[in-house]
């Protein structure tokens, strides 16, 4: 597989890419409330593109630990106008949602990637995405955002996460979603302790070896706060370090808030490595 197919877009797998986070929510753990107005969100989207984002991930419902569900119409009100103004530009637009109705409306508005923390397990989600030509990102989560951090337990976190993602990838392919449209995310921080997150990152190459492109989202997360002692607003350097460690272990895409800093770090790494990720 030479590239990931996202509608009319083709994203090369030859080098690591950046997914820029654009949360249009009042309550996301890091940037909640900053981009709730459509004009500000669109301006931020163009800024992330200029800084080096190869994909924009737009979310209208916070999935931080303890988060409550957002009414469907409110989620649609937040994301659809932003997608409509950013879609069709130089980079694909991703919709970060677990709700089929939002997937449908976002795809109709021009999104070409569905990023689902629930790995398309909701009734109708697989069929919705299979009927499109969009890519999908399947993520592992133990529990739900409201309860996932209460007491996450694994016998073998890397093995269990990998098996789950392989099962969901197989289900996606069986539903008609081509392999070159599938991206996997181990779900750092979604039903995992600090030790679980570190074990996943340490052994990430085992998931990569399964042959699907892997996305890693560690930007500003609590595991970095636990390691560094830094508040969520002061985790840029930790986030960049985590992104580099993920790429060094074979991650193809990193989902980040701080696109420019991450792009600079990846540019230096690639210059040293000569573009060879192995």
C-alpha atoms as a PDB file:
ATOM      1  CA  UNK A   1       0.000   0.000   0.000  1.00  0.00           C
ATOM      2  CA  UNK A   2       1.709   3.168  -1.235  1.00  0.00           C
ATOM      3  CA  UNK A   3      -0.808   5.705   0.028  1.00  0.00           C
ATOM      4  CA  UNK A   4      -3.980   6.250   2.032  1.00  0.00           C
ATOM      5  CA  UNK A   5      -7.062   7.047  -0.036  1.00  0.00           C
ATOM      6  CA  UNK A   6      -9.198   9.859   1.423  1.00  0.00           C
ATOM      7  CA  UNK A   7     -11.763  10.567  -1.246  1.00  0.00           C
ATOM      8  CA  UNK A   8      -9.952  12.426  -4.025  1.00  0.00           C
ATOM      9  CA  UNK A   9      -6.880  12.872  -1.826  1.00  0.00           C
ATOM     10  CA  UNK A  10      -3.926  10.482  -1.766  1.00  0.00           C
ATOM     11  CA  UNK A  11      -1.662  10.684   1.263  1.00  0.00           C
ATOM     12  CA  UNK A  12       1.762   9.137   0.716  1.00  0.00           C
ATOM     13  CA  UNK A  13       2.915   6.594   3.269  1.00  0.00           C
ATOM     14  CA  UNK A  14       6.562   7.276   2.411  1.00  0.00           C
ATOM     15  CA  UNK A  15       7.032   9.831   5.173  1.00  0.00           C
ATOM     16  CA  UNK A  16       5.294  10.682   8.467  1.00  0.00           C
ATOM     17  CA  UNK A  17       2.524  13.271   8.313  1.00  0.00           C
ATOM     18  CA  UNK A  18       0.769  15.555  10.770  1.00  0.00           C
ATOM     19  CA  UNK A  19      -2.936  15.722  11.579  1.00  0.00           C
ATOM     20  CA  UNK A  20      -3.801  19.129  12.996  1.00  0.00           C
ATOM     21  CA  UNK A  21      -6.398  19.219  15.782  1.00  0.00           C
ATOM     22  CA  UNK A  22      -9.266  21.694  15.405  1.00  0.00           C
ATOM     23  CA  UNK A  23     -11.723  21.328  18.271  1.00  0.00           C
ATOM     24  CA  UNK A  24     -14.820  23.514  17.909  1.00  0.00           C
ATOM     25  CA  UNK A  25     -15.954  22.682  21.430  1.00  0.00           C
ATOM     26  CA  UNK A  26     -16.298  24.706  24.634  1.00  0.00           C
ATOM     27  CA  UNK A  27     -14.894  21.945  26.832  1.00  0.00           C
ATOM     28  CA  UNK A  28     -12.044  20.022  25.184  1.00  0.00           C
ATOM     29  CA  UNK A  29      -9.258  19.385  27.682  1.00  0.00           C
ATOM     30  CA  UNK A  30      -6.645  21.613  26.023  1.00  0.00           C
ATOM     31  CA  UNK A  31      -8.192  24.080  23.572  1.00  0.00           C
ATOM     32  CA  UNK A  32     -11.845  24.085  24.578  1.00  0.00           C
ATOM     33  CA  UNK A  33     -13.578  27.399  23.885  1.00  0.00           C
ATOM     34  CA  UNK A  34     -10.861  28.860  21.661  1.00  0.00           C
ATOM     35  CA  UNK A  35     -12.463  28.112  18.291  1.00  0.00           C
ATOM     36  CA  UNK A  36     -16.210  27.918  18.892  1.00  0.00           C
ATOM     37  CA  UNK A  37     -16.940  30.726  16.421  1.00  0.00           C
ATOM     38  CA  UNK A  38     -16.981  29.604  12.801  1.00  0.00           C
ATOM     39  CA  UNK A  39     -14.749  32.393  11.491  1.00  0.00           C
ATOM     40  CA  UNK A  40     -12.100  31.775  14.161  1.00  0.00           C
ATOM     41  CA  UNK A  41     -12.208  28.030  13.540  1.00  0.00           C
ATOM     42  CA  UNK A  42     -11.793  28.470   9.791  1.00  0.00           C
ATOM     43  CA  UNK A  43      -8.928  30.911  10.311  1.00  0.00           C
ATOM     44  CA  UNK A  44      -7.279  28.416  12.652  1.00  0.00           C
ATOM     45  CA  UNK A  45      -7.731  25.682  10.061  1.00  0.00           C
ATOM     46  CA  UNK A  46      -5.873  27.662   7.416  1.00  0.00           C
ATOM     47  CA  UNK A  47      -3.158  28.469   9.952  1.00  0.00           C
ATOM     48  CA  UNK A  48      -2.663  24.763  10.728  1.00  0.00           C
ATOM     49  CA  UNK A  49      -2.376  24.030   7.003  1.00  0.00           C
ATOM     50  CA  UNK A  50       0.289  26.709   6.612  1.00  0.00           C
ATOM     51  CA  UNK A  51       2.186  25.283   9.579  1.00  0.00           C
ATOM     52  CA  UNK A  52       2.363  21.844   7.983  1.00  0.00           C
ATOM     53  CA  UNK A  53      -0.811  19.886   8.735  1.00  0.00           C
ATOM     54  CA  UNK A  54      -1.517  17.266   6.065  1.00  0.00           C
ATOM     55  CA  UNK A  55      -4.997  16.623   7.497  1.00  0.00           C
ATOM     56  CA  UNK A  56      -7.351  18.769   9.597  1.00  0.00           C
ATOM     57  CA  UNK A  57      -9.323  16.873  12.252  1.00  0.00           C
ATOM     58  CA  UNK A  58     -12.488  18.752  13.233  1.00  0.00           C
ATOM     59  CA  UNK A  59     -14.331  17.697  16.373  1.00  0.00           C
ATOM     60  CA  UNK A  60     -17.537  19.013  17.904  1.00  0.00           C
ATOM     61  CA  UNK A  61     -17.803  16.741  20.950  1.00  0.00           C
ATOM     62  CA  UNK A  62     -15.166  16.476  23.649  1.00  0.00           C
ATOM     63  CA  UNK A  63     -14.073  12.910  24.409  1.00  0.00           C
ATOM     64  CA  UNK A  64     -11.841  13.887  27.323  1.00  0.00           C
ATOM     65  CA  UNK A  65     -12.106  11.654  30.409  1.00  0.00           C
ATOM     66  CA  UNK A  66     -15.416  12.281  32.143  1.00  0.00           C
ATOM     67  CA  UNK A  67     -16.976  14.082  29.195  1.00  0.00           C
ATOM     68  CA  UNK A  68     -20.747  13.923  28.708  1.00  0.00           C
ATOM     69  CA  UNK A  69     -22.349  13.319  25.294  1.00  0.00           C
ATOM     70  CA  UNK A  70     -23.338  16.354  23.225  1.00  0.00           C
ATOM     71  CA  UNK A  71     -26.823  16.549  21.667  1.00  0.00           C
ATOM     72  CA  UNK A  72     -26.737  15.566  18.003  1.00  0.00           C
ATOM     73  CA  UNK A  73     -28.004  18.873  16.650  1.00  0.00           C
ATOM     74  CA  UNK A  74     -25.468  20.800  18.721  1.00  0.00           C
ATOM     75  CA  UNK A  75     -22.578  18.701  17.425  1.00  0.00           C
ATOM     76  CA  UNK A  76     -23.799  19.259  13.857  1.00  0.00           C
ATOM     77  CA  UNK A  77     -24.175  22.992  14.470  1.00  0.00           C
ATOM     78  CA  UNK A  78     -20.562  23.184  15.605  1.00  0.00           C
ATOM     79  CA  UNK A  79     -18.846  21.184  12.887  1.00  0.00           C
ATOM     80  CA  UNK A  80     -20.774  21.409   9.604  1.00  0.00           C
ATOM     81  CA  UNK A  81     -20.253  25.134   8.849  1.00  0.00           C
ATOM     82  CA  UNK A  82     -16.518  24.762   9.512  1.00  0.00           C
ATOM     83  CA  UNK A  83     -16.213  21.697   7.306  1.00  0.00           C
ATOM     84  CA  UNK A  84     -18.115  23.420   4.506  1.00  0.00           C
ATOM     85  CA  UNK A  85     -15.658  26.310   4.475  1.00  0.00           C
ATOM     86  CA  UNK A  86     -12.480  24.203   4.726  1.00  0.00           C
ATOM     87  CA  UNK A  87     -13.391  21.226   2.533  1.00  0.00           C
ATOM     88  CA  UNK A  88     -12.046  21.019  -0.993  1.00  0.00           C
ATOM     89  CA  UNK A  89      -8.817  22.807  -0.117  1.00  0.00           C
ATOM     90  CA  UNK A  90      -5.240  21.513  -0.227  1.00  0.00           C
ATOM     91  CA  UNK A  91      -5.643  18.961   2.566  1.00  0.00           C
ATOM     92  CA  UNK A  92      -8.381  16.453   3.464  1.00  0.00           C
ATOM     93  CA  UNK A  93     -10.814  17.249   6.254  1.00  0.00           C
ATOM     94  CA  UNK A  94     -11.388  14.656   8.954  1.00  0.00           C
ATOM     95  CA  UNK A  95     -14.505  14.532  11.110  1.00  0.00           C
ATOM     96  CA  UNK A  96     -13.806  13.433  14.673  1.00  0.00           C
ATOM     97  CA  UNK A  97     -17.083  11.837  15.751  1.00  0.00           C
ATOM     98  CA  UNK A  98     -18.621   8.603  17.024  1.00  0.00           C
ATOM     99  CA  UNK A  99     -22.134   9.383  15.804  1.00  0.00           C
ATOM    100  CA  UNK A 100     -23.406   8.031  12.482  1.00  0.00           C
ATOM    101  CA  UNK A 101     -25.630  11.018  11.776  1.00  0.00           C
ATOM    102  CA  UNK A 102     -22.667  13.366  12.156  1.00  0.00           C
ATOM    103  CA  UNK A 103     -20.538  11.134   9.924  1.00  0.00           C
ATOM    104  CA  UNK A 104     -23.209  11.278   7.224  1.00  0.00           C
ATOM    105  CA  UNK A 105     -23.636  15.048   7.348  1.00  0.00           C
ATOM    106  CA  UNK A 106     -19.889  15.674   7.538  1.00  0.00           C
ATOM    107  CA  UNK A 107     -19.216  13.458   4.525  1.00  0.00           C
ATOM    108  CA  UNK A 108     -21.944  15.277   2.606  1.00  0.00           C
ATOM    109  CA  UNK A 109     -20.308  18.597   3.591  1.00  0.00           C
ATOM    110  CA  UNK A 110     -16.945  17.492   2.172  1.00  0.00           C
ATOM    111  CA  UNK A 111     -15.087  15.551   4.875  1.00  0.00           C
ATOM    112  CA  UNK A 112     -13.027  12.699   3.438  1.00  0.00           C
ATOM    113  CA  UNK A 113     -11.837  10.960   6.615  1.00  0.00           C
ATOM    114  CA  UNK A 114     -13.911   9.669   9.541  1.00  0.00           C
ATOM    115  CA  UNK A 115     -11.946   9.557  12.800  1.00  0.00           C
ATOM    116  CA  UNK A 116     -13.976   7.499  15.267  1.00  0.00           C
ATOM    117  CA  UNK A 117     -12.906   6.859  18.867  1.00  0.00           C
ATOM    118  CA  UNK A 118     -15.482   4.043  18.864  1.00  0.00           C
ATOM    119  CA  UNK A 119     -13.916   2.275  15.840  1.00  0.00           C
ATOM    120  CA  UNK A 120     -17.175   2.318  13.835  1.00  0.00           C
ATOM    121  CA  UNK A 121     -18.987   0.083  16.327  1.00  0.00           C
ATOM    122  CA  UNK A 122     -22.188   2.156  16.385  1.00  0.00           C
ATOM    123  CA  UNK A 123     -25.037   0.602  14.373  1.00  0.00           C
ATOM    124  CA  UNK A 124     -24.776   1.796  10.778  1.00  0.00           C
ATOM    125  CA  UNK A 125     -21.306   3.326  11.106  1.00  0.00           C
ATOM    126  CA  UNK A 126     -19.510   0.746   8.981  1.00  0.00           C
ATOM    127  CA  UNK A 127     -22.202   0.932   6.315  1.00  0.00           C
ATOM    128  CA  UNK A 128     -22.127   4.738   6.289  1.00  0.00           C
ATOM    129  CA  UNK A 129     -18.386   4.848   5.682  1.00  0.00           C
ATOM    130  CA  UNK A 130     -18.388   1.945   3.218  1.00  0.00           C
ATOM    131  CA  UNK A 131     -20.917   3.818   1.070  1.00  0.00           C
ATOM    132  CA  UNK A 132     -18.471   6.728   0.761  1.00  0.00           C
ATOM    133  CA  UNK A 133     -14.926   6.915  -0.591  1.00  0.00           C
ATOM    134  CA  UNK A 134     -13.608   8.386   2.653  1.00  0.00           C
ATOM    135  CA  UNK A 135     -10.800   6.963   4.750  1.00  0.00           C
ATOM    136  CA  UNK A 136     -11.502   5.801   8.297  1.00  0.00           C
ATOM    137  CA  UNK A 137      -9.453   5.906  11.475  1.00  0.00           C
ATOM    138  CA  UNK A 138     -10.327   3.104  13.891  1.00  0.00           C
ATOM    139  CA  UNK A 139      -9.356   3.778  17.493  1.00  0.00           C
ATOM    140  CA  UNK A 140      -9.168   1.577  20.571  1.00  0.00           C
ATOM    141  CA  UNK A 141     -11.007   2.761  23.675  1.00  0.00           C
ATOM    142  CA  UNK A 142     -11.769   0.784  26.820  1.00  0.00           C
ATOM    143  CA  UNK A 143     -15.153   1.908  28.119  1.00  0.00           C
ATOM    144  CA  UNK A 144     -16.659   5.274  27.192  1.00  0.00           C
ATOM    145  CA  UNK A 145     -15.324   8.829  27.599  1.00  0.00           C
ATOM    146  CA  UNK A 146     -17.490   9.261  30.692  1.00  0.00           C
ATOM    147  CA  UNK A 147     -16.010   6.242  32.495  1.00  0.00           C
ATOM    148  CA  UNK A 148     -12.880   5.121  30.640  1.00  0.00           C
ATOM    149  CA  UNK A 149     -10.386   6.362  33.219  1.00  0.00           C
ATOM    150  CA  UNK A 150     -12.210   5.033  36.272  1.00  0.00           C
ATOM    151  CA  UNK A 151     -10.205   1.798  36.492  1.00  0.00           C
ATOM    152  CA  UNK A 152      -8.701   0.609  33.191  1.00  0.00           C
ATOM    153  CA  UNK A 153      -7.326  -2.939  33.458  1.00  0.00           C
ATOM    154  CA  UNK A 154      -5.453  -5.119  30.947  1.00  0.00           C
ATOM    155  CA  UNK A 155      -3.567  -8.384  31.143  1.00  0.00           C
ATOM    156  CA  UNK A 156      -1.502  -7.366  28.099  1.00  0.00           C
ATOM    157  CA  UNK A 157      -2.305  -3.869  26.905  1.00  0.00           C
ATOM    158  CA  UNK A 158      -0.318  -4.036  23.669  1.00  0.00           C
ATOM    159  CA  UNK A 159      -1.661  -7.448  22.713  1.00  0.00           C
ATOM    160  CA  UNK A 160      -5.264  -6.585  23.589  1.00  0.00           C
ATOM    161  CA  UNK A 161      -5.207  -3.257  21.758  1.00  0.00           C
ATOM    162  CA  UNK A 162      -3.628  -4.872  18.697  1.00  0.00           C
ATOM    163  CA  UNK A 163      -6.170  -7.705  18.614  1.00  0.00           C
ATOM    164  CA  UNK A 164      -9.075  -5.285  18.916  1.00  0.00           C
ATOM    165  CA  UNK A 165      -7.793  -3.102  16.096  1.00  0.00           C
ATOM    166  CA  UNK A 166      -7.180  -6.099  13.844  1.00  0.00           C
ATOM    167  CA  UNK A 167     -10.760  -7.251  14.481  1.00  0.00           C
ATOM    168  CA  UNK A 168     -12.148  -3.813  13.657  1.00  0.00           C
ATOM    169  CA  UNK A 169      -9.994  -3.544  10.524  1.00  0.00           C
ATOM    170  CA  UNK A 170     -11.292  -6.938   9.399  1.00  0.00           C
ATOM    171  CA  UNK A 171     -14.868  -5.817  10.068  1.00  0.00           C
ATOM    172  CA  UNK A 172     -14.274  -2.641   8.047  1.00  0.00           C
ATOM    173  CA  UNK A 173     -12.873  -4.583   5.112  1.00  0.00           C
ATOM    174  CA  UNK A 174     -15.746  -7.089   5.280  1.00  0.00           C
ATOM    175  CA  UNK A 175     -18.169  -4.152   5.126  1.00  0.00           C
ATOM    176  CA  UNK A 176     -16.548  -2.923   1.918  1.00  0.00           C
ATOM    177  CA  UNK A 177     -13.991  -0.400   3.163  1.00  0.00           C
ATOM    178  CA  UNK A 178     -10.822  -1.037   1.180  1.00  0.00           C
ATOM    179  CA  UNK A 179      -7.597  -1.665   3.081  1.00  0.00           C
ATOM    180  CA  UNK A 180      -6.061   1.466   1.531  1.00  0.00           C
ATOM    181  CA  UNK A 181      -8.725   3.535   3.309  1.00  0.00           C
ATOM    182  CA  UNK A 182      -7.993   2.228   6.835  1.00  0.00           C
ATOM    183  CA  UNK A 183      -5.876   3.917   9.512  1.00  0.00           C
ATOM    184  CA  UNK A 184      -5.433   2.563  13.061  1.00  0.00           C
ATOM    185  CA  UNK A 185      -5.067   4.435  16.356  1.00  0.00           C
ATOM    186  CA  UNK A 186      -4.138   2.636  19.612  1.00  0.00           C
ATOM    187  CA  UNK A 187      -6.018   5.279  21.608  1.00  0.00           C
ATOM    188  CA  UNK A 188      -3.497   6.770  24.005  1.00  0.00           C
ATOM    189  CA  UNK A 189      -5.331   8.085  27.062  1.00  0.00           C
ATOM    190  CA  UNK A 190      -8.611   6.355  26.230  1.00  0.00           C
ATOM    191  CA  UNK A 191      -9.048   3.856  29.015  1.00  0.00           C
ATOM    192  CA  UNK A 192      -5.337   3.569  29.835  1.00  0.00           C
ATOM    193  CA  UNK A 193      -3.201   4.359  32.860  1.00  0.00           C
ATOM    194  CA  UNK A 194       0.163   6.091  32.581  1.00  0.00           C
ATOM    195  CA  UNK A 195       1.860   2.678  32.612  1.00  0.00           C
ATOM    196  CA  UNK A 196      -0.463   1.406  29.866  1.00  0.00           C
ATOM    197  CA  UNK A 197       0.277   4.431  27.684  1.00  0.00           C
ATOM    198  CA  UNK A 198       4.025   4.076  28.111  1.00  0.00           C
ATOM    199  CA  UNK A 199       3.872   0.359  27.347  1.00  0.00           C
ATOM    200  CA  UNK A 200       1.869   1.061  24.174  1.00  0.00           C
ATOM    201  CA  UNK A 201       4.368   3.641  22.989  1.00  0.00           C
ATOM    202  CA  UNK A 202       7.314   1.428  23.871  1.00  0.00           C
ATOM    203  CA  UNK A 203       5.889  -1.460  21.858  1.00  0.00           C
ATOM    204  CA  UNK A 204       4.243   0.513  19.062  1.00  0.00           C
ATOM    205  CA  UNK A 205       6.324  -1.182  16.374  1.00  0.00           C
ATOM    206  CA  UNK A 206       4.407  -4.421  17.050  1.00  0.00           C
ATOM    207  CA  UNK A 207       1.155  -2.754  15.981  1.00  0.00           C
ATOM    208  CA  UNK A 208       2.881  -1.119  13.012  1.00  0.00           C
ATOM    209  CA  UNK A 209       4.113  -4.552  11.933  1.00  0.00           C
ATOM    210  CA  UNK A 210       0.504  -5.610  11.283  1.00  0.00           C
ATOM    211  CA  UNK A 211       0.720  -3.608   8.067  1.00  0.00           C
ATOM    212  CA  UNK A 212      -1.809  -0.815   8.484  1.00  0.00           C
ATOM    213  CA  UNK A 213      -0.766   2.846   8.774  1.00  0.00           C
ATOM    214  CA  UNK A 214      -0.859   3.912  12.418  1.00  0.00           C
ATOM    215  CA  UNK A 215      -1.911   7.253  13.867  1.00  0.00           C
ATOM    216  CA  UNK A 216      -0.728   8.335  17.321  1.00  0.00           C
ATOM    217  CA  UNK A 217      -2.426  11.028  19.389  1.00  0.00           C
ATOM    218  CA  UNK A 218      -0.418  11.963  22.488  1.00  0.00           C
ATOM    219  CA  UNK A 219      -0.502  15.738  22.155  1.00  0.00           C
ATOM    220  CA  UNK A 220      -0.738  17.492  25.553  1.00  0.00           C
ATOM    221  CA  UNK A 221      -2.290  14.420  27.193  1.00  0.00           C
ATOM    222  CA  UNK A 222      -2.244  13.632  30.886  1.00  0.00           C
ATOM    223  CA  UNK A 223       0.430  10.946  30.528  1.00  0.00           C
ATOM    224  CA  UNK A 224       2.816  13.720  29.490  1.00  0.00           C
ATOM    225  CA  UNK A 225       1.775  15.738  32.501  1.00  0.00           C
ATOM    226  CA  UNK A 226       2.433  12.757  34.737  1.00  0.00           C
ATOM    227  CA  UNK A 227       5.914  12.296  33.263  1.00  0.00           C
ATOM    228  CA  UNK A 228       6.941  15.965  33.142  1.00  0.00           C
ATOM    229  CA  UNK A 229       4.901  17.530  35.922  1.00  0.00           C
ATOM    230  CA  UNK A 230       3.742  20.204  33.463  1.00  0.00           C
ATOM    231  CA  UNK A 231       0.253  21.663  33.179  1.00  0.00           C
ATOM    232  CA  UNK A 232      -1.727  21.040  30.004  1.00  0.00           C
ATOM    233  CA  UNK A 233      -0.806  24.492  28.650  1.00  0.00           C
ATOM    234  CA  UNK A 234       2.914  23.750  29.102  1.00  0.00           C
ATOM    235  CA  UNK A 235       3.308  20.408  27.344  1.00  0.00           C
ATOM    236  CA  UNK A 236       4.510  21.448  23.895  1.00  0.00           C
ATOM    237  CA  UNK A 237       8.026  20.053  24.276  1.00  0.00           C
ATOM    238  CA  UNK A 238       6.747  16.832  25.827  1.00  0.00           C
ATOM    239  CA  UNK A 239       4.221  16.476  23.022  1.00  0.00           C
ATOM    240  CA  UNK A 240       6.878  16.975  20.352  1.00  0.00           C
ATOM    241  CA  UNK A 241       9.136  14.404  22.036  1.00  0.00           C
ATOM    242  CA  UNK A 242       6.267  11.914  22.160  1.00  0.00           C
ATOM    243  CA  UNK A 243       5.466  12.497  18.486  1.00  0.00           C
ATOM    244  CA  UNK A 244       9.086  11.871  17.523  1.00  0.00           C
ATOM    245  CA  UNK A 245       9.244   8.694  19.608  1.00  0.00           C
ATOM    246  CA  UNK A 246       6.078   7.461  17.914  1.00  0.00           C
ATOM    247  CA  UNK A 247       7.435   8.173  14.438  1.00  0.00           C
ATOM    248  CA  UNK A 248      10.714   6.472  15.301  1.00  0.00           C
ATOM    249  CA  UNK A 249       8.662   3.381  16.167  1.00  0.00           C
ATOM    250  CA  UNK A 250       6.864   3.480  12.821  1.00  0.00           C
ATOM    251  CA  UNK A 251       3.833   5.714  13.347  1.00  0.00           C
ATOM    252  CA  UNK A 252       2.796   7.261  10.049  1.00  0.00           C
ATOM    253  CA  UNK A 253       0.679  10.119  11.331  1.00  0.00           C
ATOM    254  CA  UNK A 254       0.724  12.130  14.555  1.00  0.00           C
ATOM    255  CA  UNK A 255      -2.341  14.046  15.716  1.00  0.00           C
ATOM    256  CA  UNK A 256      -1.215  17.260  17.390  1.00  0.00           C
ATOM    257  CA  UNK A 257      -2.257  20.689  18.609  1.00  0.00           C
ATOM    258  CA  UNK A 258       1.172  22.265  18.018  1.00  0.00           C
ATOM    259  CA  UNK A 259       1.657  21.698  14.300  1.00  0.00           C
ATOM    260  CA  UNK A 260       4.549  24.098  13.643  1.00  0.00           C
ATOM    261  CA  UNK A 261       6.708  22.780  16.489  1.00  0.00           C
ATOM    262  CA  UNK A 262       6.042  19.192  15.467  1.00  0.00           C
ATOM    263  CA  UNK A 263       6.733  19.904  11.788  1.00  0.00           C
ATOM    264  CA  UNK A 264      10.087  21.478  12.677  1.00  0.00           C
ATOM    265  CA  UNK A 265      11.085  18.495  14.794  1.00  0.00           C
ATOM    266  CA  UNK A 266      10.098  16.044  12.051  1.00  0.00           C
ATOM    267  CA  UNK A 267      12.040  18.060   9.474  1.00  0.00           C
ATOM    268  CA  UNK A 268      15.208  17.810  11.569  1.00  0.00           C
ATOM    269  CA  UNK A 269      14.652  14.093  12.180  1.00  0.00           C
ATOM    270  CA  UNK A 270      14.101  13.425   8.475  1.00  0.00           C
ATOM    271  CA  UNK A 271      17.183  15.423   7.510  1.00  0.00           C
ATOM    272  CA  UNK A 272      19.302  13.296   9.846  1.00  0.00           C
ATOM    273  CA  UNK A 273      17.684  10.021   8.838  1.00  0.00           C
ATOM    274  CA  UNK A 274      17.690  10.799   5.134  1.00  0.00           C
ATOM    275  CA  UNK A 275      13.999  10.020   4.895  1.00  0.00           C
ATOM    276  CA  UNK A 276      14.513   6.399   5.897  1.00  0.00           C
ATOM    277  CA  UNK A 277      12.031   5.605   8.683  1.00  0.00           C
ATOM    278  CA  UNK A 278      13.732   2.310   9.481  1.00  0.00           C
END
